[in-house]
Amino acid sequence: MCRNIRTLHNFDPPATNDEVHAAALQFVRKVSGSAKPSQVNQEAFDRAVAEIAHVTRHLLEDLVTTAPPKDREVEAAKARARAQERYSRQ
């Protein structure tokens, strides 16, 4: 999976539309192999991002869990600690 796509489910507050769009954009970039499509492909690229964001939003709304919501700040701190550990070994 692309490292820039983050887990969006079960956070308090819920994922924003901007976060969902960013994840969809990263997914389309990864699948298409293009960060910036040509003009002839721009419409298809944008349509794919919009459709994936739409479906992702529905998925997030429909998922059910019994786990307590995660705190964004706590999860970000854990990610920073993992990154520091990973990069300090090099």
PDB file of N, CA and C in Angstrom:
ATOM      1  N   MET A   1       0.835  -1.170   0.000  1.00  0.00           N
ATOM      2  CA  MET A   1       0.000   0.000   0.000  1.00  0.00           C
ATOM      3  C   MET A   1       0.886   1.241   0.000  1.00  0.00           C
ATOM      4  N   CYS A   2       0.394   2.268  -0.598  1.00  0.00           N
ATOM      5  CA  CYS A   2       1.114   3.534  -0.644  1.00  0.00           C
ATOM      6  C   CYS A   2       1.270   4.084   0.782  1.00  0.00           C
ATOM      7  N   ARG A   3       2.444   4.492   1.135  1.00  0.00           N
ATOM      8  CA  ARG A   3       2.684   4.984   2.498  1.00  0.00           C
ATOM      9  C   ARG A   3       1.893   6.242   2.808  1.00  0.00           C
ATOM     10  N   ASN A   4       1.513   7.008   1.803  1.00  0.00           N
ATOM     11  CA  ASN A   4       0.800   8.257   2.041  1.00  0.00           C
ATOM     12  C   ASN A   4      -0.689   8.075   2.264  1.00  0.00           C
ATOM     13  N   ILE A   5      -1.204   6.879   2.047  1.00  0.00           N
ATOM     14  CA  ILE A   5      -2.614   6.635   2.312  1.00  0.00           C
ATOM     15  C   ILE A   5      -2.728   6.210   3.770  1.00  0.00           C
ATOM     16  N   ARG A   6      -3.467   6.982   4.537  1.00  0.00           N
ATOM     17  CA  ARG A   6      -3.601   6.749   5.970  1.00  0.00           C
ATOM     18  C   ARG A   6      -4.934   6.078   6.275  1.00  0.00           C
ATOM     19  N   THR A   7      -4.974   5.363   7.386  1.00  0.00           N
ATOM     20  CA  THR A   7      -6.220   4.789   7.867  1.00  0.00           C
ATOM     21  C   THR A   7      -7.162   5.932   8.233  1.00  0.00           C
ATOM     22  N   LEU A   8      -8.391   5.833   7.780  1.00  0.00           N
ATOM     23  CA  LEU A   8      -9.363   6.893   8.024  1.00  0.00           C
ATOM     24  C   LEU A   8     -10.515   6.441   8.912  1.00  0.00           C
ATOM     25  N   HIS A   9     -10.622   5.148   9.144  1.00  0.00           N
ATOM     26  CA  HIS A   9     -11.749   4.608   9.905  1.00  0.00           C
ATOM     27  C   HIS A   9     -11.508   4.674  11.410  1.00  0.00           C
ATOM     28  N   ASN A  10     -12.582   4.952  12.138  1.00  0.00           N
ATOM     29  CA  ASN A  10     -12.635   4.889  13.589  1.00  0.00           C
ATOM     30  C   ASN A  10     -11.766   5.943  14.273  1.00  0.00           C
ATOM     31  N   PHE A  11     -11.874   7.163  13.811  1.00  0.00           N
ATOM     32  CA  PHE A  11     -11.201   8.287  14.465  1.00  0.00           C
ATOM     33  C   PHE A  11     -12.242   9.242  15.008  1.00  0.00           C
ATOM     34  N   ASP A  12     -11.874   9.925  16.061  1.00  0.00           N
ATOM     35  CA  ASP A  12     -12.733  10.953  16.615  1.00  0.00           C
ATOM     36  C   ASP A  12     -11.952  12.244  16.624  1.00  0.00           C
ATOM     37  N   PRO A  13     -12.314  13.244  15.873  1.00  0.00           N
ATOM     38  CA  PRO A  13     -13.472  13.334  14.978  1.00  0.00           C
ATOM     39  C   PRO A  13     -13.264  12.494  13.712  1.00  0.00           C
ATOM     40  N   PRO A  14     -14.372  12.183  13.030  1.00  0.00           N
ATOM     41  CA  PRO A  14     -14.280  11.362  11.818  1.00  0.00           C
ATOM     42  C   PRO A  14     -13.437  12.031  10.737  1.00  0.00           C
ATOM     43  N   ALA A  15     -13.032  11.223   9.773  1.00  0.00           N
ATOM     44  CA  ALA A  15     -12.227  11.739   8.657  1.00  0.00           C
ATOM     45  C   ALA A  15     -12.982  12.847   7.929  1.00  0.00           C
ATOM     46  N   THR A  16     -12.233  13.862   7.551  1.00  0.00           N
ATOM     47  CA  THR A  16     -12.841  14.977   6.821  1.00  0.00           C
ATOM     48  C   THR A  16     -12.910  14.644   5.330  1.00  0.00           C
ATOM     49  N   ASN A  17     -13.686  15.431   4.611  1.00  0.00           N
ATOM     50  CA  ASN A  17     -13.756  15.246   3.156  1.00  0.00           C
ATOM     51  C   ASN A  17     -12.395  15.473   2.516  1.00  0.00           C
ATOM     52  N   ASP A  18     -11.610  16.393   3.059  1.00  0.00           N
ATOM     53  CA  ASP A  18     -10.266  16.644   2.525  1.00  0.00           C
ATOM     54  C   ASP A  18      -9.368  15.415   2.702  1.00  0.00           C
ATOM     55  N   GLU A  19      -9.464  14.754   3.844  1.00  0.00           N
ATOM     56  CA  GLU A  19      -8.667  13.548   4.080  1.00  0.00           C
ATOM     57  C   GLU A  19      -9.086  12.420   3.143  1.00  0.00           C
ATOM     58  N   VAL A  20     -10.385  12.277   2.938  1.00  0.00           N
ATOM     59  CA  VAL A  20     -10.888  11.247   2.029  1.00  0.00           C
ATOM     60  C   VAL A  20     -10.428  11.547   0.609  1.00  0.00           C
ATOM     61  N   HIS A  21     -10.506  12.797   0.196  1.00  0.00           N
ATOM     62  CA  HIS A  21     -10.069  13.189  -1.148  1.00  0.00           C
ATOM     63  C   HIS A  21      -8.569  12.943  -1.317  1.00  0.00           C
ATOM     64  N   ALA A  22      -7.778  13.283  -0.298  1.00  0.00           N
ATOM     65  CA  ALA A  22      -6.326  13.078  -0.379  1.00  0.00           C
ATOM     66  C   ALA A  22      -5.985  11.594  -0.522  1.00  0.00           C
ATOM     67  N   ALA A  23      -6.708  10.742   0.195  1.00  0.00           N
ATOM     68  CA  ALA A  23      -6.471   9.300   0.083  1.00  0.00           C
ATOM     69  C   ALA A  23      -6.851   8.800  -1.307  1.00  0.00           C
ATOM     70  N   ALA A  24      -7.977   9.294  -1.831  1.00  0.00           N
ATOM     71  CA  ALA A  24      -8.408   8.900  -3.175  1.00  0.00           C
ATOM     72  C   ALA A  24      -7.394   9.363  -4.218  1.00  0.00           C
ATOM     73  N   LEU A  25      -6.885  10.567  -4.064  1.00  0.00           N
ATOM     74  CA  LEU A  25      -5.888  11.096  -4.991  1.00  0.00           C
ATOM     75  C   LEU A  25      -4.621  10.241  -4.972  1.00  0.00           C
ATOM     76  N   GLN A  26      -4.155   9.868  -3.793  1.00  0.00           N
ATOM     77  CA  GLN A  26      -2.965   9.027  -3.690  1.00  0.00           C
ATOM     78  C   GLN A  26      -3.195   7.665  -4.328  1.00  0.00           C
ATOM     79  N   PHE A  27      -4.399   7.114  -4.128  1.00  0.00           N
ATOM     80  CA  PHE A  27      -4.724   5.823  -4.723  1.00  0.00           C
ATOM     81  C   PHE A  27      -4.691   5.904  -6.248  1.00  0.00           C
ATOM     82  N   VAL A  28      -5.322   6.928  -6.808  1.00  0.00           N
ATOM     83  CA  VAL A  28      -5.362   7.074  -8.270  1.00  0.00           C
ATOM     84  C   VAL A  28      -3.954   7.321  -8.810  1.00  0.00           C
ATOM     85  N   ARG A  29      -3.167   8.114  -8.121  1.00  0.00           N
ATOM     86  CA  ARG A  29      -1.781   8.334  -8.549  1.00  0.00           C
ATOM     87  C   ARG A  29      -1.001   7.027  -8.573  1.00  0.00           C
ATOM     88  N   LYS A  30      -1.181   6.211  -7.544  1.00  0.00           N
ATOM     89  CA  LYS A  30      -0.459   4.947  -7.460  1.00  0.00           C
ATOM     90  C   LYS A  30      -0.894   4.000  -8.573  1.00  0.00           C
ATOM     91  N   VAL A  31      -2.206   3.853  -8.757  1.00  0.00           N
ATOM     92  CA  VAL A  31      -2.731   2.927  -9.755  1.00  0.00           C
ATOM     93  C   VAL A  31      -2.376   3.373 -11.171  1.00  0.00           C
ATOM     94  N   SER A  32      -2.468   4.676 -11.426  1.00  0.00           N
ATOM     95  CA  SER A  32      -2.199   5.181 -12.774  1.00  0.00           C
ATOM     96  C   SER A  32      -0.712   5.314 -13.063  1.00  0.00           C
ATOM     97  N   GLY A  33       0.095   5.384 -12.014  1.00  0.00           N
ATOM     98  CA  GLY A  33       1.530   5.572 -12.208  1.00  0.00           C
ATOM     99  C   GLY A  33       1.877   6.993 -12.601  1.00  0.00           C
ATOM    100  N   SER A  34       0.960   7.910 -12.314  1.00  0.00           N
ATOM    101  CA  SER A  34       1.158   9.293 -12.727  1.00  0.00           C
ATOM    102  C   SER A  34       0.714  10.235 -11.621  1.00  0.00           C
ATOM    103  N   ALA A  35       1.610  11.101 -11.196  1.00  0.00           N
ATOM    104  CA  ALA A  35       1.258  12.101 -10.193  1.00  0.00           C
ATOM    105  C   ALA A  35       0.533  13.277 -10.834  1.00  0.00           C
ATOM    106  N   LYS A  36       0.864  13.568 -12.069  1.00  0.00           N
ATOM    107  CA  LYS A  36       0.247  14.676 -12.805  1.00  0.00           C
ATOM    108  C   LYS A  36      -0.104  14.152 -14.192  1.00  0.00           C
ATOM    109  N   PRO A  37      -1.382  13.875 -14.438  1.00  0.00           N
ATOM    110  CA  PRO A  37      -1.759  13.320 -15.737  1.00  0.00           C
ATOM    111  C   PRO A  37      -1.628  14.356 -16.849  1.00  0.00           C
ATOM    112  N   SER A  38      -1.529  13.877 -18.057  1.00  0.00           N
ATOM    113  CA  SER A  38      -1.505  14.775 -19.211  1.00  0.00           C
ATOM    114  C   SER A  38      -2.876  15.419 -19.362  1.00  0.00           C
ATOM    115  N   GLN A  39      -2.951  16.470 -20.154  1.00  0.00           N
ATOM    116  CA  GLN A  39      -4.225  17.168 -20.352  1.00  0.00           C
ATOM    117  C   GLN A  39      -5.294  16.242 -20.912  1.00  0.00           C
ATOM    118  N   VAL A  40      -4.893  15.347 -21.797  1.00  0.00           N
ATOM    119  CA  VAL A  40      -5.861  14.441 -22.413  1.00  0.00           C
ATOM    120  C   VAL A  40      -6.420  13.455 -21.387  1.00  0.00           C
ATOM    121  N   ASN A  41      -5.673  13.157 -20.322  1.00  0.00           N
ATOM    122  CA  ASN A  41      -6.118  12.215 -19.296  1.00  0.00           C
ATOM    123  C   ASN A  41      -6.658  12.890 -18.035  1.00  0.00           C
ATOM    124  N   GLN A  42      -6.588  14.209 -17.964  1.00  0.00           N
ATOM    125  CA  GLN A  42      -6.973  14.933 -16.747  1.00  0.00           C
ATOM    126  C   GLN A  42      -8.416  14.661 -16.338  1.00  0.00           C
ATOM    127  N   GLU A  43      -9.335  14.668 -17.276  1.00  0.00           N
ATOM    128  CA  GLU A  43     -10.746  14.452 -16.952  1.00  0.00           C
ATOM    129  C   GLU A  43     -10.978  13.060 -16.357  1.00  0.00           C
ATOM    130  N   ALA A  44     -10.383  12.041 -16.960  1.00  0.00           N
ATOM    131  CA  ALA A  44     -10.528  10.675 -16.447  1.00  0.00           C
ATOM    132  C   ALA A  44      -9.900  10.560 -15.064  1.00  0.00           C
ATOM    133  N   PHE A  45      -8.754  11.182 -14.874  1.00  0.00           N
ATOM    134  CA  PHE A  45      -8.050  11.171 -13.594  1.00  0.00           C
ATOM    135  C   PHE A  45      -8.920  11.815 -12.508  1.00  0.00           C
ATOM    136  N   ASP A  46      -9.437  13.008 -12.793  1.00  0.00           N
ATOM    137  CA  ASP A  46     -10.270  13.728 -11.826  1.00  0.00           C
ATOM    138  C   ASP A  46     -11.558  12.967 -11.514  1.00  0.00           C
ATOM    139  N   ARG A  47     -12.150  12.371 -12.541  1.00  0.00           N
ATOM    140  CA  ARG A  47     -13.377  11.599 -12.343  1.00  0.00           C
ATOM    141  C   ARG A  47     -13.099  10.390 -11.433  1.00  0.00           C
ATOM    142  N   ALA A  48     -11.970   9.727 -11.657  1.00  0.00           N
ATOM    143  CA  ALA A  48     -11.610   8.575 -10.821  1.00  0.00           C
ATOM    144  C   ALA A  48     -11.407   9.001  -9.374  1.00  0.00           C
ATOM    145  N   VAL A  49     -10.741  10.114  -9.144  1.00  0.00           N
ATOM    146  CA  VAL A  49     -10.525  10.608  -7.779  1.00  0.00           C
ATOM    147  C   VAL A  49     -11.871  10.893  -7.119  1.00  0.00           C
ATOM    148  N   ALA A  50     -12.773  11.559  -7.826  1.00  0.00           N
ATOM    149  CA  ALA A  50     -14.085  11.895  -7.263  1.00  0.00           C
ATOM    150  C   ALA A  50     -14.892  10.640  -6.940  1.00  0.00           C
ATOM    151  N   GLU A  51     -14.879   9.673  -7.840  1.00  0.00           N
ATOM    152  CA  GLU A  51     -15.645   8.448  -7.628  1.00  0.00           C
ATOM    153  C   GLU A  51     -15.075   7.633  -6.458  1.00  0.00           C
ATOM    154  N   ILE A  52     -13.769   7.544  -6.377  1.00  0.00           N
ATOM    155  CA  ILE A  52     -13.143   6.792  -5.285  1.00  0.00           C
ATOM    156  C   ILE A  52     -13.384   7.495  -3.955  1.00  0.00           C
ATOM    157  N   ALA A  53     -13.313   8.803  -3.925  1.00  0.00           N
ATOM    158  CA  ALA A  53     -13.599   9.550  -2.700  1.00  0.00           C
ATOM    159  C   ALA A  53     -15.049   9.318  -2.269  1.00  0.00           C
ATOM    160  N   HIS A  54     -15.969   9.317  -3.235  1.00  0.00           N
ATOM    161  CA  HIS A  54     -17.383   9.086  -2.939  1.00  0.00           C
ATOM    162  C   HIS A  54     -17.599   7.697  -2.337  1.00  0.00           C
ATOM    163  N   VAL A  55     -17.037   6.695  -2.956  1.00  0.00           N
ATOM    164  CA  VAL A  55     -17.180   5.319  -2.467  1.00  0.00           C
ATOM    165  C   VAL A  55     -16.503   5.166  -1.112  1.00  0.00           C
ATOM    166  N   THR A  56     -15.361   5.794  -0.932  1.00  0.00           N
ATOM    167  CA  THR A  56     -14.654   5.724   0.347  1.00  0.00           C
ATOM    168  C   THR A  56     -15.490   6.337   1.459  1.00  0.00           C
ATOM    169  N   ARG A  57     -16.121   7.467   1.181  1.00  0.00           N
ATOM    170  CA  ARG A  57     -16.973   8.111   2.184  1.00  0.00           C
ATOM    171  C   ARG A  57     -18.107   7.160   2.587  1.00  0.00           C
ATOM    172  N   HIS A  58     -18.736   6.509   1.603  1.00  0.00           N
ATOM    173  CA  HIS A  58     -19.800   5.542   1.912  1.00  0.00           C
ATOM    174  C   HIS A  58     -19.256   4.379   2.743  1.00  0.00           C
ATOM    175  N   LEU A  59     -18.094   3.891   2.390  1.00  0.00           N
ATOM    176  CA  LEU A  59     -17.483   2.798   3.154  1.00  0.00           C
ATOM    177  C   LEU A  59     -17.278   3.206   4.602  1.00  0.00           C
ATOM    178  N   LEU A  60     -16.699   4.369   4.817  1.00  0.00           N
ATOM    179  CA  LEU A  60     -16.434   4.832   6.176  1.00  0.00           C
ATOM    180  C   LEU A  60     -17.725   5.006   6.976  1.00  0.00           C
ATOM    181  N   GLU A  61     -18.787   5.457   6.315  1.00  0.00           N
ATOM    182  CA  GLU A  61     -20.079   5.632   6.992  1.00  0.00           C
ATOM    183  C   GLU A  61     -20.707   4.296   7.352  1.00  0.00           C
ATOM    184  N   ASP A  62     -20.458   3.256   6.547  1.00  0.00           N
ATOM    185  CA  ASP A  62     -21.097   1.961   6.741  1.00  0.00           C
ATOM    186  C   ASP A  62     -20.329   1.011   7.656  1.00  0.00           C
ATOM    187  N   LEU A  63     -19.042   1.245   7.856  1.00  0.00           N
ATOM    188  CA  LEU A  63     -18.247   0.352   8.699  1.00  0.00           C
ATOM    189  C   LEU A  63     -18.710   0.433  10.149  1.00  0.00           C
ATOM    190  N   VAL A  64     -18.727  -0.716  10.816  1.00  0.00           N
ATOM    191  CA  VAL A  64     -19.142  -0.803  12.213  1.00  0.00           C
ATOM    192  C   VAL A  64     -17.987  -1.406  13.009  1.00  0.00           C
ATOM    193  N   THR A  65     -17.761  -0.866  14.201  1.00  0.00           N
ATOM    194  CA  THR A  65     -16.718  -1.403  15.064  1.00  0.00           C
ATOM    195  C   THR A  65     -17.138  -1.263  16.518  1.00  0.00           C
ATOM    196  N   THR A  66     -16.631  -2.137  17.354  1.00  0.00           N
ATOM    197  CA  THR A  66     -16.884  -2.023  18.792  1.00  0.00           C
ATOM    198  C   THR A  66     -15.692  -1.397  19.508  1.00  0.00           C
ATOM    199  N   ALA A  67     -14.613  -1.185  18.766  1.00  0.00           N
ATOM    200  CA  ALA A  67     -13.416  -0.579  19.350  1.00  0.00           C
ATOM    201  C   ALA A  67     -13.667   0.906  19.612  1.00  0.00           C
ATOM    202  N   PRO A  68     -13.080   1.437  20.668  1.00  0.00           N
ATOM    203  CA  PRO A  68     -13.239   2.869  20.921  1.00  0.00           C
ATOM    204  C   PRO A  68     -12.523   3.676  19.828  1.00  0.00           C
ATOM    205  N   PRO A  69     -13.036   4.864  19.507  1.00  0.00           N
ATOM    206  CA  PRO A  69     -12.396   5.688  18.476  1.00  0.00           C
ATOM    207  C   PRO A  69     -10.961   6.035  18.863  1.00  0.00           C
ATOM    208  N   LYS A  70     -10.103   6.112  17.843  1.00  0.00           N
ATOM    209  CA  LYS A  70      -8.696   6.463  18.073  1.00  0.00           C
ATOM    210  C   LYS A  70      -8.555   7.986  18.095  1.00  0.00           C
ATOM    211  N   ASP A  71      -7.587   8.434  18.852  1.00  0.00           N
ATOM    212  CA  ASP A  71      -7.275   9.856  18.940  1.00  0.00           C
ATOM    213  C   ASP A  71      -6.200  10.186  17.915  1.00  0.00           C
ATOM    214  N   ARG A  72      -6.443  11.183  17.104  1.00  0.00           N
ATOM    215  CA  ARG A  72      -5.502  11.542  16.032  1.00  0.00           C
ATOM    216  C   ARG A  72      -4.130  11.933  16.564  1.00  0.00           C
ATOM    217  N   GLU A  73      -4.103  12.671  17.656  1.00  0.00           N
ATOM    218  CA  GLU A  73      -2.824  13.118  18.214  1.00  0.00           C
ATOM    219  C   GLU A  73      -2.009  11.944  18.752  1.00  0.00           C
ATOM    220  N   VAL A  74      -2.667  11.006  19.395  1.00  0.00           N
ATOM    221  CA  VAL A  74      -1.981   9.832  19.930  1.00  0.00           C
ATOM    222  C   VAL A  74      -1.429   8.992  18.775  1.00  0.00           C
ATOM    223  N   GLU A  75      -2.229   8.782  17.750  1.00  0.00           N
ATOM    224  CA  GLU A  75      -1.788   7.994  16.597  1.00  0.00           C
ATOM    225  C   GLU A  75      -0.643   8.690  15.861  1.00  0.00           C
ATOM    226  N   ALA A  76      -0.705  10.023  15.758  1.00  0.00           N
ATOM    227  CA  ALA A  76       0.380  10.775  15.112  1.00  0.00           C
ATOM    228  C   ALA A  76       1.669  10.652  15.918  1.00  0.00           C
ATOM    229  N   ALA A  77       1.561  10.696  17.235  1.00  0.00           N
ATOM    230  CA  ALA A  77       2.749  10.544  18.088  1.00  0.00           C
ATOM    231  C   ALA A  77       3.360   9.158  17.923  1.00  0.00           C
ATOM    232  N   LYS A  78       2.518   8.130  17.837  1.00  0.00           N
ATOM    233  CA  LYS A  78       3.014   6.773  17.611  1.00  0.00           C
ATOM    234  C   LYS A  78       3.740   6.683  16.269  1.00  0.00           C
ATOM    235  N   ALA A  79       3.171   7.299  15.246  1.00  0.00           N
ATOM    236  CA  ALA A  79       3.793   7.268  13.916  1.00  0.00           C
ATOM    237  C   ALA A  79       5.143   7.981  13.934  1.00  0.00           C
ATOM    238  N   ARG A  80       5.211   9.123  14.624  1.00  0.00           N
ATOM    239  CA  ARG A  80       6.493   9.841  14.724  1.00  0.00           C
ATOM    240  C   ARG A  80       7.533   8.994  15.445  1.00  0.00           C
ATOM    241  N   ALA A  81       7.127   8.309  16.504  1.00  0.00           N
ATOM    242  CA  ALA A  81       8.057   7.446  17.247  1.00  0.00           C
ATOM    243  C   ALA A  81       8.553   6.299  16.369  1.00  0.00           C
ATOM    244  N   ARG A  82       7.650   5.695  15.584  1.00  0.00           N
ATOM    245  CA  ARG A  82       8.067   4.618  14.672  1.00  0.00           C
ATOM    246  C   ARG A  82       9.033   5.149  13.619  1.00  0.00           C
ATOM    247  N   ALA A  83       8.757   6.332  13.093  1.00  0.00           N
ATOM    248  CA  ALA A  83       9.634   6.920  12.076  1.00  0.00           C
ATOM    249  C   ALA A  83      11.006   7.237  12.673  1.00  0.00           C
ATOM    250  N   GLN A  84      11.021   7.785  13.873  1.00  0.00           N
ATOM    251  CA  GLN A  84      12.311   8.089  14.495  1.00  0.00           C
ATOM    252  C   GLN A  84      13.110   6.815  14.722  1.00  0.00           C
ATOM    253  N   GLU A  85      12.452   5.767  15.160  1.00  0.00           N
ATOM    254  CA  GLU A  85      13.127   4.479  15.360  1.00  0.00           C
ATOM    255  C   GLU A  85      13.665   3.954  14.035  1.00  0.00           C
ATOM    256  N   ARG A  86      12.845   4.016  13.005  1.00  0.00           N
ATOM    257  CA  ARG A  86      13.243   3.485  11.700  1.00  0.00           C
ATOM    258  C   ARG A  86      14.424   4.262  11.123  1.00  0.00           C
ATOM    259  N   TYR A  87      14.382   5.591  11.213  1.00  0.00           N
ATOM    260  CA  TYR A  87      15.430   6.400  10.594  1.00  0.00           C
ATOM    261  C   TYR A  87      16.681   6.523  11.457  1.00  0.00           C
ATOM    262  N   SER A  88      16.569   6.294  12.747  1.00  0.00           N
ATOM    263  CA  SER A  88      17.761   6.372  13.589  1.00  0.00           C
ATOM    264  C   SER A  88      18.652   5.139  13.418  1.00  0.00           C
ATOM    265  N   ARG A  89      18.092   4.053  12.901  1.00  0.00           N
ATOM    266  CA  ARG A  89      18.882   2.828  12.660  1.00  0.00           C
ATOM    267  C   ARG A  89      19.747   2.950  11.427  1.00  0.00           C
ATOM    268  N   GLN A  90      19.485   3.885  10.586  1.00  0.00           N
ATOM    269  CA  GLN A  90      20.212   3.975   9.304  1.00  0.00           C
ATOM    270  C   GLN A  90      21.510   4.724   9.432  1.00  0.00           C
TER     271      GLN A  90
END
